[in-house]
Amino acid sequence: MRTLFIDADACPVTREAISIARSHGMEVVLVANGTQSLERYTSRNGVEAIQVSGGRDAADFVIIEHLQPGDVCVTQDTGLAAMVLGRGAGAIGVRGRIFHLATIDAEMEVRHAEQKLRRAGGRTGGPSKFTEEDREHFVDRLEMLITNPGRF
C-alpha cells in the first residue's frame, strides 16, 4: 500500500492532503517536530503522527527512513524533495508544484545560491501569502500525482 507523508511543520494543506490520500486508500503519516500539535489530525482512521526532536532536519530523515518507491511526500523543502525523488517517490509542494528528477539538481543549485546570499547579508524574497487559489491548485495537482504516478 502506498503512503502519503506530510512534512507537517507549518503545512497549510494538511487537511486537504489527508482527505485526498484517504479517498485513494493511502496510508497517511504526519511528521513534525515536538512543538506541533497533531492530535486534531490523528483522530481519523489511518493517520499516523510521528513527532521528532527539534533537530534541524530530523523530520526529513524520519520521512526518508520510512519512504518506499511509489509513496508521495508533501513538503516545502527542496532538499527533502530531492531525497524523496532519489528514493523513487513523488514530491509535491504545498502550492501544488510537483518536483521532477529532471530539474531537481538545478533547483538545489538555486537554493544553495540563495542560502549563500543570505549568509552574506543579502536578501531574497520570501514566499507570497498563501491563498485559496494555492490551496485549490495543490488539491488538483495532488490528485493528479496520486492517480498518475508514472506521469510525473
N, C-alpha and C. Protein backbone atom coordinates (compact mmCIF):
# COMPACT_ATOMS: atom_id res chain seq x y z
N MET A 1 0.84 -1.19 0.00
CA MET A 1 0.00 0.00 0.00
C MET A 1 0.88 1.25 0.00
N ARG A 2 0.52 2.20 -0.82
CA ARG A 2 1.26 3.46 -0.89
C ARG A 2 0.94 4.33 0.32
N THR A 3 1.88 5.19 0.67
CA THR A 3 1.73 6.07 1.82
C THR A 3 1.96 7.51 1.38
N LEU A 4 1.19 8.41 1.97
CA LEU A 4 1.40 9.85 1.80
C LEU A 4 2.08 10.34 3.07
N PHE A 5 3.27 10.89 2.91
CA PHE A 5 3.99 11.50 4.02
C PHE A 5 3.80 13.01 3.93
N ILE A 6 3.54 13.62 5.07
CA ILE A 6 3.37 15.07 5.11
C ILE A 6 4.41 15.65 6.06
N ASP A 7 5.26 16.49 5.52
CA ASP A 7 6.21 17.26 6.32
C ASP A 7 5.34 18.32 6.99
N ALA A 8 4.86 18.02 8.18
CA ALA A 8 3.73 18.75 8.77
C ALA A 8 4.10 20.03 9.51
N ASP A 9 5.36 20.36 9.61
CA ASP A 9 5.72 21.63 10.25
C ASP A 9 5.21 22.78 9.38
N ALA A 10 4.26 23.51 9.89
CA ALA A 10 3.68 24.68 9.21
C ALA A 10 3.12 24.35 7.83
N CYS A 11 2.51 23.19 7.68
CA CYS A 11 1.92 22.80 6.40
C CYS A 11 0.48 23.31 6.33
N PRO A 12 0.17 24.20 5.37
CA PRO A 12 -1.18 24.77 5.31
C PRO A 12 -2.23 23.89 4.62
N VAL A 13 -1.81 22.74 4.09
CA VAL A 13 -2.75 21.89 3.34
C VAL A 13 -2.86 20.48 3.92
N THR A 14 -2.61 20.35 5.20
CA THR A 14 -2.64 19.04 5.83
C THR A 14 -4.01 18.38 5.70
N ARG A 15 -5.07 19.09 6.03
CA ARG A 15 -6.43 18.52 5.94
C ARG A 15 -6.74 18.05 4.52
N GLU A 16 -6.43 18.87 3.54
CA GLU A 16 -6.71 18.52 2.15
C GLU A 16 -5.92 17.29 1.72
N ALA A 17 -4.64 17.24 2.11
CA ALA A 17 -3.79 16.11 1.73
C ALA A 17 -4.32 14.81 2.35
N ILE A 18 -4.72 14.88 3.62
CA ILE A 18 -5.26 13.69 4.28
C ILE A 18 -6.52 13.23 3.57
N SER A 19 -7.40 14.14 3.27
CA SER A 19 -8.67 13.80 2.62
C SER A 19 -8.44 13.12 1.27
N ILE A 20 -7.55 13.66 0.47
CA ILE A 20 -7.28 13.08 -0.85
C ILE A 20 -6.64 11.70 -0.70
N ALA A 21 -5.66 11.58 0.17
CA ALA A 21 -4.99 10.29 0.36
C ALA A 21 -5.97 9.23 0.83
N ARG A 22 -6.81 9.57 1.79
CA ARG A 22 -7.78 8.60 2.32
C ARG A 22 -8.77 8.19 1.24
N SER A 23 -9.17 9.13 0.35
CA SER A 23 -10.12 8.79 -0.72
C SER A 23 -9.51 7.80 -1.71
N HIS A 24 -8.18 7.69 -1.72
CA HIS A 24 -7.49 6.74 -2.59
C HIS A 24 -6.96 5.53 -1.82
N GLY A 25 -7.37 5.40 -0.58
CA GLY A 25 -6.97 4.25 0.23
C GLY A 25 -5.52 4.25 0.65
N MET A 26 -4.89 5.41 0.63
CA MET A 26 -3.49 5.51 1.04
C MET A 26 -3.38 5.69 2.55
N GLU A 27 -2.31 5.17 3.10
CA GLU A 27 -2.00 5.47 4.49
C GLU A 27 -1.42 6.88 4.55
N VAL A 28 -1.55 7.52 5.70
CA VAL A 28 -1.05 8.88 5.87
C VAL A 28 -0.16 8.93 7.10
N VAL A 29 1.01 9.53 6.94
CA VAL A 29 1.94 9.71 8.05
C VAL A 29 2.31 11.19 8.12
N LEU A 30 2.03 11.81 9.25
CA LEU A 30 2.43 13.19 9.51
C LEU A 30 3.72 13.16 10.30
N VAL A 31 4.69 13.95 9.88
CA VAL A 31 5.96 14.01 10.61
C VAL A 31 6.22 15.48 10.94
N ALA A 32 6.44 15.75 12.22
CA ALA A 32 6.65 17.14 12.65
C ALA A 32 7.50 17.15 13.90
N ASN A 33 8.05 18.32 14.20
CA ASN A 33 8.83 18.43 15.43
C ASN A 33 7.87 18.45 16.63
N GLY A 34 8.44 18.31 17.80
CA GLY A 34 7.64 18.17 19.01
C GLY A 34 6.79 19.37 19.38
N THR A 35 7.01 20.52 18.75
CA THR A 35 6.23 21.71 19.09
C THR A 35 4.90 21.75 18.35
N GLN A 36 4.70 20.89 17.37
CA GLN A 36 3.46 20.89 16.59
C GLN A 36 2.41 20.01 17.28
N SER A 37 1.18 20.45 17.24
CA SER A 37 0.07 19.67 17.78
C SER A 37 -0.61 18.94 16.62
N LEU A 38 -0.48 17.62 16.60
CA LEU A 38 -1.01 16.82 15.51
C LEU A 38 -2.27 16.04 15.88
N GLU A 39 -2.70 16.16 17.13
CA GLU A 39 -3.83 15.36 17.60
C GLU A 39 -5.10 15.58 16.79
N ARG A 40 -5.31 16.80 16.31
CA ARG A 40 -6.53 17.08 15.56
C ARG A 40 -6.60 16.28 14.26
N TYR A 41 -5.47 15.79 13.78
CA TYR A 41 -5.45 15.01 12.55
C TYR A 41 -5.43 13.51 12.80
N THR A 42 -4.87 13.09 13.92
CA THR A 42 -4.68 11.67 14.16
C THR A 42 -5.93 10.97 14.68
N SER A 43 -6.97 11.71 14.99
CA SER A 43 -8.20 11.07 15.44
C SER A 43 -8.89 10.35 14.29
N ARG A 44 -8.47 10.66 13.07
CA ARG A 44 -9.04 9.97 11.90
C ARG A 44 -8.34 8.63 11.71
N ASN A 45 -9.09 7.66 11.27
CA ASN A 45 -8.52 6.34 11.00
C ASN A 45 -7.43 6.42 9.95
N GLY A 46 -6.36 5.71 10.19
CA GLY A 46 -5.30 5.62 9.20
C GLY A 46 -4.32 6.76 9.17
N VAL A 47 -4.41 7.69 10.10
CA VAL A 47 -3.45 8.80 10.13
C VAL A 47 -2.51 8.58 11.31
N GLU A 48 -1.25 8.42 10.98
CA GLU A 48 -0.22 8.22 12.00
C GLU A 48 0.58 9.50 12.15
N ALA A 49 0.96 9.82 13.36
CA ALA A 49 1.78 11.01 13.61
C ALA A 49 3.10 10.57 14.22
N ILE A 50 4.17 11.11 13.70
CA ILE A 50 5.49 10.88 14.26
C ILE A 50 6.05 12.23 14.67
N GLN A 51 6.31 12.40 15.95
CA GLN A 51 6.89 13.65 16.45
C GLN A 51 8.37 13.40 16.64
N VAL A 52 9.18 14.32 16.16
CA VAL A 52 10.63 14.17 16.22
C VAL A 52 11.22 15.24 17.12
N SER A 53 12.48 15.03 17.46
CA SER A 53 13.18 16.04 18.26
C SER A 53 13.33 17.31 17.43
N GLY A 54 13.74 18.36 18.07
CA GLY A 54 13.82 19.65 17.41
C GLY A 54 14.98 19.83 16.46
N GLY A 55 15.72 18.79 16.14
CA GLY A 55 16.85 18.92 15.22
C GLY A 55 16.42 19.49 13.88
N ARG A 56 17.32 20.22 13.24
CA ARG A 56 17.01 20.97 12.02
C ARG A 56 16.36 20.11 10.93
N ASP A 57 16.90 18.96 10.64
CA ASP A 57 16.38 18.11 9.57
C ASP A 57 15.84 16.79 10.09
N ALA A 58 15.49 16.74 11.36
CA ALA A 58 15.05 15.49 11.97
C ALA A 58 13.82 14.90 11.27
N ALA A 59 12.84 15.75 10.96
CA ALA A 59 11.64 15.25 10.28
C ALA A 59 11.98 14.71 8.89
N ASP A 60 12.86 15.39 8.19
CA ASP A 60 13.26 14.95 6.85
C ASP A 60 13.84 13.54 6.90
N PHE A 61 14.73 13.29 7.86
CA PHE A 61 15.38 11.98 7.93
C PHE A 61 14.41 10.88 8.34
N VAL A 62 13.44 11.20 9.16
CA VAL A 62 12.42 10.20 9.51
C VAL A 62 11.59 9.84 8.29
N ILE A 63 11.21 10.84 7.51
CA ILE A 63 10.44 10.58 6.30
C ILE A 63 11.24 9.69 5.35
N ILE A 64 12.48 10.05 5.09
CA ILE A 64 13.31 9.27 4.16
C ILE A 64 13.51 7.84 4.66
N GLU A 65 13.65 7.68 5.96
CA GLU A 65 13.84 6.36 6.54
C GLU A 65 12.64 5.44 6.29
N HIS A 66 11.43 5.99 6.26
CA HIS A 66 10.21 5.19 6.10
C HIS A 66 9.70 5.13 4.66
N LEU A 67 10.18 6.00 3.81
CA LEU A 67 9.68 6.15 2.45
C LEU A 67 9.97 4.92 1.58
N GLN A 68 9.00 4.56 0.76
CA GLN A 68 9.15 3.47 -0.20
C GLN A 68 8.91 4.01 -1.61
N PRO A 69 9.47 3.36 -2.64
CA PRO A 69 9.18 3.79 -4.01
C PRO A 69 7.66 3.81 -4.25
N GLY A 70 7.19 4.85 -4.91
CA GLY A 70 5.76 4.98 -5.19
C GLY A 70 5.00 5.79 -4.16
N ASP A 71 5.60 6.03 -2.99
CA ASP A 71 4.96 6.87 -1.99
C ASP A 71 4.98 8.32 -2.48
N VAL A 72 4.30 9.18 -1.75
CA VAL A 72 4.24 10.61 -2.09
C VAL A 72 4.54 11.40 -0.83
N CYS A 73 5.24 12.52 -0.99
CA CYS A 73 5.57 13.38 0.14
C CYS A 73 5.15 14.82 -0.16
N VAL A 74 4.46 15.43 0.79
CA VAL A 74 4.10 16.85 0.71
C VAL A 74 5.14 17.61 1.53
N THR A 75 5.84 18.53 0.87
CA THR A 75 6.88 19.29 1.56
C THR A 75 7.13 20.62 0.88
N GLN A 76 7.58 21.58 1.67
CA GLN A 76 8.00 22.88 1.14
C GLN A 76 9.52 22.93 0.97
N ASP A 77 10.19 21.86 1.34
CA ASP A 77 11.65 21.81 1.41
C ASP A 77 12.22 21.15 0.15
N THR A 78 12.94 21.92 -0.64
CA THR A 78 13.54 21.40 -1.88
C THR A 78 14.55 20.29 -1.58
N GLY A 79 15.30 20.41 -0.49
CA GLY A 79 16.26 19.38 -0.12
C GLY A 79 15.59 18.06 0.18
N LEU A 80 14.50 18.11 0.92
CA LEU A 80 13.75 16.88 1.20
C LEU A 80 13.15 16.33 -0.09
N ALA A 81 12.63 17.20 -0.94
CA ALA A 81 12.07 16.75 -2.21
C ALA A 81 13.12 16.01 -3.04
N ALA A 82 14.35 16.50 -3.04
CA ALA A 82 15.42 15.84 -3.78
C ALA A 82 15.67 14.43 -3.25
N MET A 83 15.70 14.29 -1.93
CA MET A 83 15.90 12.96 -1.34
C MET A 83 14.73 12.04 -1.65
N VAL A 84 13.51 12.58 -1.61
CA VAL A 84 12.31 11.79 -1.91
C VAL A 84 12.38 11.27 -3.35
N LEU A 85 12.70 12.14 -4.29
CA LEU A 85 12.80 11.73 -5.69
C LEU A 85 13.88 10.67 -5.86
N GLY A 86 14.97 10.82 -5.14
CA GLY A 86 16.06 9.85 -5.20
C GLY A 86 15.65 8.47 -4.71
N ARG A 87 14.62 8.40 -3.90
CA ARG A 87 14.12 7.11 -3.38
C ARG A 87 13.00 6.55 -4.26
N GLY A 88 12.70 7.20 -5.38
CA GLY A 88 11.68 6.68 -6.29
C GLY A 88 10.26 7.03 -5.89
N ALA A 89 10.11 8.07 -5.08
CA ALA A 89 8.79 8.51 -4.64
C ALA A 89 8.48 9.87 -5.27
N GLY A 90 7.24 10.32 -5.12
CA GLY A 90 6.82 11.61 -5.65
C GLY A 90 6.90 12.69 -4.58
N ALA A 91 7.12 13.91 -5.00
CA ALA A 91 7.18 15.04 -4.07
C ALA A 91 6.39 16.20 -4.65
N ILE A 92 5.61 16.85 -3.78
CA ILE A 92 4.77 17.97 -4.18
C ILE A 92 4.85 19.05 -3.11
N GLY A 93 4.93 20.29 -3.55
CA GLY A 93 4.94 21.43 -2.64
C GLY A 93 3.53 21.81 -2.23
N VAL A 94 3.41 22.62 -1.21
CA VAL A 94 2.10 22.97 -0.66
C VAL A 94 1.27 23.86 -1.58
N ARG A 95 1.92 24.42 -2.60
CA ARG A 95 1.19 25.23 -3.59
C ARG A 95 0.91 24.43 -4.86
N GLY A 96 1.18 23.13 -4.82
CA GLY A 96 0.87 22.26 -5.94
C GLY A 96 1.99 22.05 -6.93
N ARG A 97 3.16 22.53 -6.63
CA ARG A 97 4.31 22.35 -7.53
C ARG A 97 4.84 20.93 -7.38
N ILE A 98 4.81 20.17 -8.45
CA ILE A 98 5.34 18.82 -8.44
C ILE A 98 6.82 18.88 -8.78
N PHE A 99 7.63 18.27 -7.93
CA PHE A 99 9.08 18.24 -8.15
C PHE A 99 9.41 17.13 -9.14
N HIS A 100 10.41 17.35 -9.99
CA HIS A 100 10.80 16.40 -11.03
C HIS A 100 12.29 16.07 -10.94
N LEU A 101 12.64 14.82 -11.19
CA LEU A 101 14.04 14.42 -11.20
C LEU A 101 14.85 15.23 -12.22
N ALA A 102 14.24 15.56 -13.35
CA ALA A 102 14.95 16.26 -14.41
C ALA A 102 15.39 17.67 -14.02
N THR A 103 14.71 18.28 -13.04
CA THR A 103 15.03 19.67 -12.69
C THR A 103 15.49 19.86 -11.26
N ILE A 104 15.49 18.82 -10.46
CA ILE A 104 15.77 18.99 -9.03
C ILE A 104 17.20 19.46 -8.77
N ASP A 105 18.17 19.02 -9.60
CA ASP A 105 19.55 19.47 -9.38
C ASP A 105 19.66 20.99 -9.56
N ALA A 106 19.02 21.52 -10.58
CA ALA A 106 19.05 22.97 -10.80
C ALA A 106 18.36 23.70 -9.66
N GLU A 107 17.26 23.15 -9.16
CA GLU A 107 16.56 23.77 -8.04
C GLU A 107 17.42 23.76 -6.78
N MET A 108 18.19 22.70 -6.59
CA MET A 108 19.10 22.65 -5.44
C MET A 108 20.21 23.69 -5.58
N GLU A 109 20.69 23.91 -6.81
CA GLU A 109 21.71 24.93 -7.03
C GLU A 109 21.18 26.32 -6.71
N VAL A 110 19.95 26.61 -7.10
CA VAL A 110 19.32 27.90 -6.80
C VAL A 110 19.17 28.05 -5.29
N ARG A 111 18.71 26.99 -4.64
CA ARG A 111 18.55 27.01 -3.17
C ARG A 111 19.88 27.33 -2.49
N HIS A 112 20.95 26.67 -2.95
CA HIS A 112 22.27 26.89 -2.37
C HIS A 112 22.74 28.34 -2.59
N ALA A 113 22.53 28.85 -3.80
CA ALA A 113 22.93 30.23 -4.10
C ALA A 113 22.17 31.23 -3.23
N GLU A 114 20.88 30.99 -3.01
CA GLU A 114 20.09 31.89 -2.16
C GLU A 114 20.56 31.82 -0.71
N GLN A 115 20.87 30.62 -0.22
CA GLN A 115 21.38 30.49 1.14
C GLN A 115 22.71 31.22 1.30
N LYS A 116 23.56 31.09 0.30
CA LYS A 116 24.86 31.76 0.32
C LYS A 116 24.69 33.28 0.35
N LEU A 117 23.77 33.79 -0.45
CA LEU A 117 23.47 35.21 -0.49
C LEU A 117 22.96 35.70 0.87
N ARG A 118 22.06 34.95 1.49
CA ARG A 118 21.52 35.34 2.80
C ARG A 118 22.61 35.33 3.87
N ARG A 119 23.49 34.33 3.84
CA ARG A 119 24.59 34.28 4.82
C ARG A 119 25.52 35.47 4.67
N ALA A 120 25.63 36.00 3.46
CA ALA A 120 26.50 37.16 3.21
C ALA A 120 25.79 38.47 3.51
N GLY A 121 24.55 38.40 4.02
CA GLY A 121 23.82 39.60 4.38
C GLY A 121 22.84 40.08 3.34
N GLY A 122 22.77 39.39 2.23
CA GLY A 122 21.83 39.77 1.17
C GLY A 122 20.41 39.32 1.51
N ARG A 123 19.49 39.80 0.73
CA ARG A 123 18.09 39.45 0.94
C ARG A 123 17.55 38.73 -0.28
N THR A 124 16.74 37.74 0.01
CA THR A 124 15.99 37.06 -1.05
C THR A 124 14.52 37.21 -0.68
N GLY A 125 13.67 37.27 -1.64
CA GLY A 125 12.25 37.43 -1.34
C GLY A 125 11.68 36.17 -0.72
N GLY A 126 10.85 36.33 0.26
CA GLY A 126 10.18 35.20 0.86
C GLY A 126 8.97 34.81 0.04
N PRO A 127 8.29 33.76 0.45
CA PRO A 127 7.11 33.34 -0.30
C PRO A 127 5.97 34.34 -0.16
N SER A 128 5.15 34.41 -1.20
CA SER A 128 3.97 35.28 -1.12
C SER A 128 2.94 34.65 -0.19
N LYS A 129 1.95 35.42 0.18
CA LYS A 129 0.90 34.95 1.07
C LYS A 129 0.19 33.75 0.44
N PHE A 130 -0.07 32.74 1.26
CA PHE A 130 -0.76 31.53 0.80
C PHE A 130 -2.24 31.87 0.58
N THR A 131 -2.75 31.52 -0.60
CA THR A 131 -4.12 31.90 -0.97
C THR A 131 -5.01 30.68 -1.17
N GLU A 132 -6.30 30.93 -1.29
CA GLU A 132 -7.24 29.85 -1.61
C GLU A 132 -6.95 29.27 -2.99
N GLU A 133 -6.48 30.10 -3.89
CA GLU A 133 -6.10 29.62 -5.22
C GLU A 133 -4.93 28.63 -5.11
N ASP A 134 -3.97 28.92 -4.22
CA ASP A 134 -2.86 27.99 -3.97
C ASP A 134 -3.40 26.66 -3.45
N ARG A 135 -4.34 26.74 -2.53
CA ARG A 135 -4.93 25.54 -1.94
C ARG A 135 -5.62 24.69 -3.02
N GLU A 136 -6.40 25.35 -3.88
CA GLU A 136 -7.10 24.64 -4.95
C GLU A 136 -6.12 24.02 -5.93
N HIS A 137 -5.06 24.74 -6.25
CA HIS A 137 -4.03 24.21 -7.15
C HIS A 137 -3.38 22.98 -6.53
N PHE A 138 -3.08 23.04 -5.24
CA PHE A 138 -2.50 21.90 -4.54
C PHE A 138 -3.42 20.68 -4.64
N VAL A 139 -4.69 20.87 -4.34
CA VAL A 139 -5.65 19.76 -4.37
C VAL A 139 -5.68 19.12 -5.76
N ASP A 140 -5.77 19.92 -6.80
CA ASP A 140 -5.80 19.40 -8.18
C ASP A 140 -4.53 18.63 -8.51
N ARG A 141 -3.38 19.19 -8.18
CA ARG A 141 -2.10 18.56 -8.53
C ARG A 141 -1.82 17.31 -7.71
N LEU A 142 -2.20 17.30 -6.43
CA LEU A 142 -2.01 16.10 -5.62
C LEU A 142 -2.87 14.97 -6.16
N GLU A 143 -4.09 15.29 -6.51
CA GLU A 143 -4.99 14.28 -7.10
C GLU A 143 -4.34 13.70 -8.36
N MET A 144 -3.79 14.55 -9.21
CA MET A 144 -3.12 14.08 -10.43
C MET A 144 -1.91 13.22 -10.12
N LEU A 145 -1.10 13.63 -9.14
CA LEU A 145 0.11 12.90 -8.79
C LEU A 145 -0.22 11.51 -8.25
N ILE A 146 -1.28 11.42 -7.45
CA ILE A 146 -1.66 10.13 -6.86
C ILE A 146 -2.26 9.20 -7.91
N THR A 147 -3.09 9.74 -8.78
CA THR A 147 -3.78 8.89 -9.76
C THR A 147 -2.91 8.57 -10.98
N ASN A 148 -1.89 9.37 -11.25
CA ASN A 148 -1.00 9.14 -12.41
C ASN A 148 0.46 9.21 -11.98
N PRO A 149 0.90 8.33 -11.07
CA PRO A 149 2.24 8.49 -10.52
C PRO A 149 3.36 8.38 -11.55
N GLY A 150 3.19 7.61 -12.60
CA GLY A 150 4.24 7.45 -13.59
C GLY A 150 4.36 8.64 -14.53
N ARG A 151 3.38 9.50 -14.52
CA ARG A 151 3.37 10.64 -15.43
C ARG A 151 4.34 11.74 -15.00
N PHE A 152 4.68 11.78 -13.73
CA PHE A 152 5.48 12.89 -13.22
C PHE A 152 6.87 12.48 -12.85
